[in-house]
Amino acid sequence: MWPMKKIYLLILMLGFLSAGHSQEKQTKTPYRTNYRALVTRPKQDTIPKKDIEELRLFPNPVTDGMVVIHSRKNLPKNVSIYDVLGKEVLRTKINGKTLNVSSLNAGVYIIKVTETNNISTRKLVIK
């Protein structure tokens, strides 16, 4: 006959195996792919916009409080300027080429220029 310890060990091992097997069956669910979600079009906001053609900012660094923003088409532009923490410090619309930044302290900024549907960002240094 088998010793009593081996029988208990055998019963214990069978109990663990059957418990693990039953839990495995309970957690498995059929996987269904939502193909419709995979084929949807991106929203208008997620479509990347093009850079503004031949956008130039000068002088950079700015020393006299005026910056010239020039592009190929020279259309009216919406301009936003952000500090290094991401806070918007200036927002304006310009019809010409010059922007007055004399109200800003010396430092490094990010300038975002929007012309029609095109957007460009640049680093702007004010001394």
Protein backbone atom coordinates (compact mmCIF):
# COMPACT_ATOMS: atom_id res chain seq x y z
CA MET A 1 0.00 0.00 0.00
CA TRP A 2 0.96 3.58 -0.44
CA PRO A 3 2.03 5.59 2.55
CA MET A 4 -0.54 8.07 3.81
CA LYS A 5 1.65 11.13 3.00
CA LYS A 6 1.84 10.20 -0.69
CA ILE A 7 -1.93 9.80 -0.91
CA TYR A 8 -2.52 13.25 0.63
CA LEU A 9 0.03 14.78 -1.71
CA LEU A 10 -1.61 13.15 -4.73
CA ILE A 11 -5.08 14.38 -3.67
CA LEU A 12 -3.73 17.88 -3.08
CA MET A 13 -2.07 18.03 -6.51
CA LEU A 14 -5.22 16.79 -8.27
CA GLY A 15 -7.23 19.44 -6.43
CA PHE A 16 -4.93 22.25 -7.61
CA LEU A 17 -4.91 21.00 -11.19
CA SER A 18 -8.69 20.73 -11.38
CA ALA A 19 -9.19 24.16 -9.75
CA GLY A 20 -6.77 25.83 -12.18
CA HIS A 21 -8.39 24.10 -15.14
CA SER A 22 -11.90 25.20 -14.15
CA GLN A 23 -10.81 28.83 -13.65
CA GLU A 24 -9.13 28.83 -17.03
CA LYS A 25 -12.33 27.76 -18.73
CA GLN A 26 -14.37 30.41 -16.94
CA THR A 27 -12.14 33.35 -17.93
CA LYS A 28 -11.84 32.51 -21.62
CA THR A 29 -14.35 34.36 -23.78
CA PRO A 30 -14.57 34.32 -27.54
CA TYR A 31 -12.57 37.17 -29.10
CA ARG A 32 -14.42 39.19 -31.70
CA THR A 33 -12.70 41.89 -33.72
CA ASN A 34 -14.67 45.03 -34.42
CA TYR A 35 -13.64 45.45 -38.05
CA ARG A 36 -15.91 48.44 -38.48
CA ALA A 37 -13.90 50.39 -35.89
CA LEU A 38 -10.67 49.57 -37.72
CA VAL A 39 -11.87 51.01 -41.03
CA THR A 40 -13.35 54.33 -39.86
CA ARG A 41 -12.05 57.64 -41.16
CA PRO A 42 -10.12 59.96 -38.87
CA LYS A 43 -11.90 63.06 -37.60
CA GLN A 44 -11.10 66.38 -39.23
CA ASP A 45 -9.15 67.47 -36.12
CA THR A 46 -6.74 64.52 -36.39
CA ILE A 47 -5.75 65.14 -40.01
CA PRO A 48 -2.30 66.75 -39.98
CA LYS A 49 -2.11 70.19 -41.49
CA LYS A 50 0.69 71.32 -43.79
CA ASP A 51 3.44 73.73 -42.83
CA ILE A 52 3.20 77.24 -44.21
CA GLU A 53 5.24 77.50 -47.38
CA GLU A 54 8.49 79.43 -47.01
CA LEU A 55 7.67 80.83 -43.57
CA ARG A 56 10.44 83.11 -42.28
CA LEU A 57 10.72 85.00 -39.00
CA PHE A 58 13.31 87.73 -38.71
CA PRO A 59 15.13 89.10 -36.87
CA ASN A 60 15.46 86.17 -34.51
CA PRO A 61 16.54 86.93 -31.79
CA VAL A 62 14.31 90.00 -31.62
CA THR A 63 16.03 93.08 -30.19
CA ASP A 64 13.82 96.02 -31.18
CA GLY A 65 10.36 94.65 -30.26
CA MET A 66 9.24 93.98 -33.85
CA VAL A 67 9.37 90.68 -35.74
CA VAL A 68 8.67 90.23 -39.45
CA ILE A 69 6.64 87.16 -40.42
CA HIS A 70 6.93 86.43 -44.13
CA SER A 71 5.44 83.57 -46.15
CA ARG A 72 5.07 82.76 -49.82
CA LYS A 73 1.40 83.78 -50.02
CA ASN A 74 1.49 86.58 -47.38
CA LEU A 75 -2.17 86.07 -46.43
CA PRO A 76 -3.61 87.28 -43.10
CA LYS A 77 -2.21 85.22 -40.22
CA ASN A 78 -3.36 84.23 -36.76
CA VAL A 79 -0.40 84.30 -34.39
CA SER A 80 -0.13 82.75 -30.92
CA ILE A 81 2.96 83.00 -28.74
CA TYR A 82 3.60 80.60 -25.84
CA ASP A 83 6.16 80.74 -23.04
CA VAL A 84 8.33 77.75 -22.14
CA LEU A 85 5.66 76.48 -19.72
CA GLY A 86 3.09 76.32 -22.53
CA LYS A 87 1.04 79.31 -21.36
CA GLU A 88 -0.28 81.50 -24.17
CA VAL A 89 1.11 84.99 -23.64
CA LEU A 90 -0.01 86.69 -26.87
CA ARG A 91 -2.71 86.02 -29.47
CA THR A 92 -3.38 88.30 -32.40
CA LYS A 93 -4.21 88.47 -36.10
CA ILE A 94 -1.95 90.31 -38.50
CA ASN A 95 -2.76 91.39 -42.05
CA GLY A 96 0.71 92.65 -42.90
CA LYS A 97 4.14 91.25 -42.13
CA THR A 98 5.13 92.86 -38.81
CA LEU A 99 4.22 91.81 -35.28
CA ASN A 100 4.85 93.94 -32.20
CA VAL A 101 6.29 91.80 -29.38
CA SER A 102 7.57 94.66 -27.22
CA SER A 103 5.11 93.71 -24.46
CA LEU A 104 6.92 90.39 -23.91
CA ASN A 105 9.84 89.94 -21.52
CA ALA A 106 13.21 88.70 -22.75
CA GLY A 107 13.25 84.93 -23.10
CA VAL A 108 12.54 81.95 -25.31
CA TYR A 109 9.05 81.51 -26.75
CA ILE A 110 7.20 79.26 -29.21
CA ILE A 111 5.34 81.07 -31.96
CA LYS A 112 2.48 79.36 -33.78
CA VAL A 113 1.43 80.92 -37.09
CA THR A 114 -1.78 79.89 -38.86
CA GLU A 115 -2.37 80.93 -42.47
CA THR A 116 -5.65 79.57 -43.93
CA ASN A 117 -5.50 75.82 -43.09
CA ASN A 118 -1.71 75.64 -42.70
CA ILE A 119 0.06 75.82 -39.33
CA SER A 120 3.74 76.28 -38.51
CA THR A 121 5.56 76.61 -35.20
CA ARG A 122 8.99 78.11 -34.59
CA LYS A 123 11.21 79.07 -31.70
CA LEU A 124 11.34 82.82 -31.04
CA VAL A 125 14.02 84.44 -28.89
CA ILE A 126 13.47 87.91 -27.47
CA LYS A 127 16.48 89.78 -26.03
